[in-house]
N, C-alpha and C. Protein backbone atom coordinates (compact mmCIF):
# COMPACT_ATOMS: atom_id res chain seq x y z
N MET A 1 2.74 -11.51 -9.03
CA MET A 1 3.38 -10.26 -8.67
C MET A 1 3.00 -9.91 -7.23
N ASN A 2 3.97 -9.45 -6.46
CA ASN A 2 3.74 -9.11 -5.06
C ASN A 2 3.19 -7.70 -4.94
N SER A 3 2.45 -7.47 -3.88
CA SER A 3 1.90 -6.15 -3.60
C SER A 3 2.68 -5.54 -2.45
N LEU A 4 2.99 -4.25 -2.56
CA LEU A 4 3.73 -3.57 -1.51
C LEU A 4 2.81 -2.57 -0.81
N ASN A 5 3.03 -2.37 0.49
CA ASN A 5 2.28 -1.38 1.24
C ASN A 5 2.90 0.01 1.09
N ILE A 6 4.04 0.08 0.45
CA ILE A 6 4.75 1.34 0.27
C ILE A 6 4.64 1.75 -1.19
N ARG A 7 4.41 3.04 -1.41
CA ARG A 7 4.27 3.56 -2.77
C ARG A 7 5.28 4.66 -3.03
N LYS A 8 5.38 5.06 -4.28
CA LYS A 8 6.27 6.14 -4.68
C LYS A 8 5.86 7.42 -3.95
N ASP A 9 6.84 8.23 -3.56
CA ASP A 9 6.68 9.51 -2.86
C ASP A 9 6.29 9.37 -1.39
N ASP A 10 6.23 8.16 -0.83
CA ASP A 10 6.00 7.99 0.61
C ASP A 10 7.27 8.34 1.36
N GLN A 11 7.12 8.89 2.57
CA GLN A 11 8.26 9.10 3.46
C GLN A 11 8.44 7.83 4.28
N VAL A 12 9.67 7.31 4.34
CA VAL A 12 9.93 6.08 5.07
C VAL A 12 11.15 6.24 5.97
N VAL A 13 11.25 5.35 6.97
CA VAL A 13 12.41 5.26 7.84
C VAL A 13 12.96 3.85 7.71
N VAL A 14 14.30 3.73 7.71
CA VAL A 14 14.96 2.43 7.58
C VAL A 14 15.02 1.76 8.94
N LEU A 15 14.59 0.49 9.03
CA LEU A 15 14.52 -0.23 10.29
C LEU A 15 15.79 -0.98 10.65
N SER A 16 16.55 -1.45 9.65
CA SER A 16 17.76 -2.22 9.94
C SER A 16 18.77 -2.04 8.83
N GLY A 17 20.00 -2.39 9.15
CA GLY A 17 21.07 -2.29 8.16
C GLY A 17 21.98 -1.10 8.43
N LYS A 18 22.84 -0.80 7.47
CA LYS A 18 23.84 0.26 7.67
C LYS A 18 23.22 1.65 7.75
N ASP A 19 22.03 1.84 7.17
CA ASP A 19 21.36 3.14 7.19
C ASP A 19 20.22 3.17 8.21
N LYS A 20 20.28 2.37 9.26
CA LYS A 20 19.21 2.28 10.25
C LYS A 20 18.90 3.65 10.84
N GLY A 21 17.61 4.00 10.87
CA GLY A 21 17.17 5.27 11.44
C GLY A 21 17.10 6.42 10.45
N ALA A 22 17.64 6.21 9.25
CA ALA A 22 17.64 7.27 8.24
C ALA A 22 16.26 7.39 7.60
N LYS A 23 15.87 8.63 7.28
CA LYS A 23 14.57 8.88 6.66
C LYS A 23 14.79 9.33 5.23
N GLY A 24 13.83 9.03 4.37
CA GLY A 24 13.94 9.44 2.97
C GLY A 24 12.64 9.23 2.23
N LYS A 25 12.61 9.73 1.00
CA LYS A 25 11.43 9.61 0.14
C LYS A 25 11.64 8.46 -0.83
N VAL A 26 10.58 7.69 -1.06
CA VAL A 26 10.65 6.55 -1.99
C VAL A 26 10.66 7.10 -3.41
N LEU A 27 11.69 6.77 -4.18
CA LEU A 27 11.81 7.21 -5.56
C LEU A 27 11.08 6.26 -6.51
N SER A 28 11.18 4.96 -6.23
CA SER A 28 10.48 3.97 -7.06
C SER A 28 10.33 2.67 -6.28
N THR A 29 9.39 1.85 -6.74
CA THR A 29 9.18 0.54 -6.14
C THR A 29 9.34 -0.53 -7.20
N ILE A 30 9.78 -1.71 -6.77
CA ILE A 30 9.92 -2.86 -7.67
C ILE A 30 9.15 -4.00 -7.01
N PRO A 31 7.82 -4.07 -7.23
CA PRO A 31 7.00 -5.07 -6.54
C PRO A 31 7.38 -6.51 -6.85
N SER A 32 7.85 -6.79 -8.06
CA SER A 32 8.19 -8.17 -8.42
C SER A 32 9.35 -8.71 -7.59
N LYS A 33 10.25 -7.82 -7.15
CA LYS A 33 11.38 -8.23 -6.33
C LYS A 33 11.18 -7.88 -4.86
N GLY A 34 10.13 -7.11 -4.54
CA GLY A 34 9.87 -6.73 -3.15
C GLY A 34 10.85 -5.70 -2.64
N THR A 35 11.32 -4.81 -3.51
CA THR A 35 12.30 -3.81 -3.12
C THR A 35 11.81 -2.40 -3.44
N VAL A 36 12.43 -1.43 -2.79
CA VAL A 36 12.15 -0.02 -3.05
C VAL A 36 13.48 0.72 -3.17
N ILE A 37 13.46 1.84 -3.87
CA ILE A 37 14.63 2.71 -3.96
C ILE A 37 14.29 3.99 -3.21
N VAL A 38 15.09 4.30 -2.17
CA VAL A 38 14.84 5.43 -1.30
C VAL A 38 15.93 6.48 -1.52
N GLU A 39 15.52 7.74 -1.55
CA GLU A 39 16.42 8.86 -1.80
C GLU A 39 17.52 8.92 -0.74
N LYS A 40 18.78 8.91 -1.18
CA LYS A 40 19.99 9.03 -0.36
C LYS A 40 20.14 7.91 0.67
N ILE A 41 19.57 6.73 0.38
CA ILE A 41 19.70 5.56 1.25
C ILE A 41 20.31 4.43 0.44
N ASN A 42 21.21 3.65 1.06
CA ASN A 42 21.86 2.51 0.43
C ASN A 42 22.61 2.94 -0.83
N LEU A 43 23.48 3.94 -0.67
CA LEU A 43 24.24 4.47 -1.80
C LEU A 43 25.33 3.50 -2.22
N ALA A 44 25.47 3.32 -3.52
CA ALA A 44 26.51 2.48 -4.10
C ALA A 44 27.35 3.34 -5.03
N THR A 45 28.64 3.06 -5.11
CA THR A 45 29.53 3.81 -5.98
C THR A 45 29.65 3.10 -7.30
N ARG A 46 29.45 3.83 -8.37
CA ARG A 46 29.51 3.26 -9.71
C ARG A 46 30.63 3.95 -10.48
N HIS A 47 31.49 3.16 -11.11
CA HIS A 47 32.58 3.68 -11.91
C HIS A 47 32.07 3.84 -13.35
N THR A 48 32.12 5.04 -13.88
CA THR A 48 31.60 5.28 -15.22
C THR A 48 32.67 5.88 -16.11
N LYS A 49 32.61 5.51 -17.39
CA LYS A 49 33.48 6.09 -18.40
C LYS A 49 32.72 7.19 -19.12
N PRO A 50 33.40 8.20 -19.57
CA PRO A 50 32.70 9.21 -20.39
C PRO A 50 32.28 8.58 -21.72
N ARG A 51 31.02 8.71 -22.09
CA ARG A 51 30.50 8.11 -23.33
C ARG A 51 30.49 9.10 -24.49
N LYS A 52 30.31 10.38 -24.19
CA LYS A 52 30.29 11.40 -25.23
C LYS A 52 31.44 12.37 -24.99
N GLN A 53 31.81 13.07 -26.02
CA GLN A 53 32.88 14.05 -25.88
C GLN A 53 32.40 15.19 -24.98
N GLY A 54 33.21 15.53 -23.98
CA GLY A 54 32.84 16.59 -23.05
C GLY A 54 32.13 16.07 -21.81
N GLU A 55 31.72 14.81 -21.81
CA GLU A 55 31.06 14.22 -20.65
C GLU A 55 32.12 13.76 -19.66
N ALA A 56 31.86 13.99 -18.39
CA ALA A 56 32.83 13.61 -17.37
C ALA A 56 32.62 12.16 -16.94
N GLY A 57 33.71 11.47 -16.68
CA GLY A 57 33.65 10.11 -16.14
C GLY A 57 34.04 10.16 -14.68
N GLY A 58 34.12 9.02 -14.05
CA GLY A 58 34.55 8.98 -12.66
C GLY A 58 33.61 8.17 -11.79
N LEU A 59 33.62 8.50 -10.51
CA LEU A 59 32.81 7.78 -9.54
C LEU A 59 31.48 8.51 -9.34
N ILE A 60 30.40 7.77 -9.46
CA ILE A 60 29.06 8.33 -9.26
C ILE A 60 28.38 7.56 -8.16
N LYS A 61 27.82 8.26 -7.19
CA LYS A 61 27.06 7.61 -6.13
C LYS A 61 25.60 7.58 -6.53
N MET A 62 25.00 6.37 -6.45
CA MET A 62 23.59 6.23 -6.81
C MET A 62 22.90 5.30 -5.83
N GLU A 63 21.59 5.45 -5.72
CA GLU A 63 20.81 4.64 -4.80
C GLU A 63 20.65 3.22 -5.33
N SER A 64 20.75 2.26 -4.43
CA SER A 64 20.51 0.86 -4.76
C SER A 64 19.20 0.43 -4.11
N PRO A 65 18.55 -0.60 -4.64
CA PRO A 65 17.31 -1.07 -4.03
C PRO A 65 17.54 -1.62 -2.62
N ILE A 66 16.54 -1.45 -1.78
CA ILE A 66 16.55 -1.99 -0.42
C ILE A 66 15.26 -2.78 -0.24
N ARG A 67 15.30 -3.86 0.53
CA ARG A 67 14.11 -4.68 0.74
C ARG A 67 13.00 -3.85 1.36
N ALA A 68 11.79 -4.03 0.87
CA ALA A 68 10.65 -3.25 1.35
C ALA A 68 10.30 -3.56 2.80
N ASN A 69 10.63 -4.77 3.27
CA ASN A 69 10.31 -5.10 4.66
C ASN A 69 11.31 -4.48 5.64
N LYS A 70 12.34 -3.81 5.16
CA LYS A 70 13.30 -3.13 6.02
C LYS A 70 13.00 -1.65 6.18
N VAL A 71 11.92 -1.19 5.57
CA VAL A 71 11.52 0.21 5.73
C VAL A 71 10.08 0.27 6.26
N MET A 72 9.77 1.35 6.97
CA MET A 72 8.43 1.55 7.49
C MET A 72 7.97 2.95 7.14
N ARG A 73 6.71 3.05 6.73
CA ARG A 73 6.14 4.32 6.31
C ARG A 73 5.99 5.27 7.48
N ILE A 74 6.23 6.58 7.23
CA ILE A 74 6.04 7.61 8.24
C ILE A 74 4.72 8.31 7.94
N CYS A 75 3.85 8.38 8.94
CA CYS A 75 2.55 9.04 8.78
C CYS A 75 2.78 10.56 8.70
N PRO A 76 2.22 11.23 7.68
CA PRO A 76 2.41 12.68 7.57
C PRO A 76 1.66 13.46 8.64
N LYS A 77 0.62 12.87 9.24
CA LYS A 77 -0.16 13.58 10.26
C LYS A 77 0.51 13.53 11.63
N CYS A 78 0.83 12.30 12.10
CA CYS A 78 1.40 12.16 13.44
C CYS A 78 2.93 12.08 13.42
N ASP A 79 3.53 12.05 12.24
CA ASP A 79 4.99 12.05 12.05
C ASP A 79 5.67 10.90 12.81
N ALA A 80 5.04 9.73 12.81
CA ALA A 80 5.59 8.56 13.48
C ALA A 80 5.61 7.39 12.51
N PRO A 81 6.61 6.50 12.63
CA PRO A 81 6.60 5.30 11.80
C PRO A 81 5.40 4.44 12.14
N THR A 82 4.68 4.00 11.14
CA THR A 82 3.46 3.25 11.38
C THR A 82 3.23 2.22 10.29
N ARG A 83 2.50 1.18 10.64
CA ARG A 83 2.06 0.22 9.65
C ARG A 83 0.83 0.78 8.97
N THR A 84 0.57 0.31 7.78
CA THR A 84 -0.54 0.83 7.01
C THR A 84 -1.73 -0.12 7.10
N ALA A 85 -2.88 0.45 7.43
CA ALA A 85 -4.13 -0.31 7.42
C ALA A 85 -4.95 0.17 6.23
N TYR A 86 -5.96 -0.58 5.88
CA TYR A 86 -6.82 -0.19 4.77
C TYR A 86 -8.26 -0.09 5.26
N ALA A 87 -8.98 0.92 4.78
CA ALA A 87 -10.38 1.12 5.14
C ALA A 87 -11.12 1.63 3.91
N PHE A 88 -12.43 1.58 3.97
CA PHE A 88 -13.25 2.08 2.87
C PHE A 88 -13.87 3.42 3.28
N ASP A 89 -13.79 4.41 2.37
CA ASP A 89 -14.38 5.72 2.66
C ASP A 89 -15.86 5.73 2.30
N LYS A 90 -16.49 6.91 2.35
CA LYS A 90 -17.93 7.03 2.12
C LYS A 90 -18.34 6.63 0.71
N GLU A 91 -17.45 6.86 -0.28
CA GLU A 91 -17.76 6.49 -1.67
C GLU A 91 -17.50 5.01 -1.94
N GLY A 92 -16.93 4.30 -0.96
CA GLY A 92 -16.63 2.89 -1.15
C GLY A 92 -15.26 2.62 -1.71
N LYS A 93 -14.41 3.67 -1.78
CA LYS A 93 -13.04 3.49 -2.27
C LYS A 93 -12.14 3.03 -1.13
N LYS A 94 -11.20 2.15 -1.47
CA LYS A 94 -10.25 1.64 -0.49
C LYS A 94 -9.16 2.68 -0.28
N THR A 95 -8.90 3.08 0.98
CA THR A 95 -7.88 4.08 1.28
C THR A 95 -6.92 3.55 2.32
N ARG A 96 -5.74 4.13 2.37
CA ARG A 96 -4.74 3.77 3.37
C ARG A 96 -4.97 4.59 4.63
N VAL A 97 -4.83 3.96 5.79
CA VAL A 97 -5.09 4.61 7.07
C VAL A 97 -3.92 4.34 8.01
N CYS A 98 -3.54 5.36 8.79
CA CYS A 98 -2.48 5.21 9.80
C CYS A 98 -3.04 4.40 10.96
N LYS A 99 -2.30 3.39 11.41
CA LYS A 99 -2.77 2.55 12.52
C LYS A 99 -2.69 3.26 13.86
N LYS A 100 -1.86 4.33 13.97
CA LYS A 100 -1.71 5.02 15.24
C LYS A 100 -2.72 6.13 15.43
N CYS A 101 -2.86 7.02 14.43
CA CYS A 101 -3.76 8.17 14.59
C CYS A 101 -5.07 8.01 13.84
N LYS A 102 -5.24 6.91 13.11
CA LYS A 102 -6.48 6.59 12.37
C LYS A 102 -6.84 7.61 11.30
N GLU A 103 -5.88 8.39 10.81
CA GLU A 103 -6.11 9.38 9.76
C GLU A 103 -5.82 8.78 8.39
N ASN A 104 -6.51 9.27 7.37
CA ASN A 104 -6.25 8.84 5.99
C ASN A 104 -4.87 9.33 5.56
N ILE A 105 -4.20 8.47 4.82
CA ILE A 105 -2.87 8.83 4.33
C ILE A 105 -3.00 9.26 2.88
């Protein structure tokens, strides 16, 4: 299983593709495929039929997975796209650190 540097609820910016430059929050990650689902990014149209009485059918826009290497995490402190480094804190726990401002994420 692959490990991702991006986690759920991280703010990310898209580096390439049709949504280049767009920012959003990570809704979920799929480490086995190396993909993430980002809020309002890579929208796909899905045609749905009503399944229950009173339920509406039609076209629904939903997020599709995007490759994790096409997004970069935004540091909440310096508000800049940055790569994630890892460091150990005083208790010996491994934490994520911004490579630009050196603050804990």
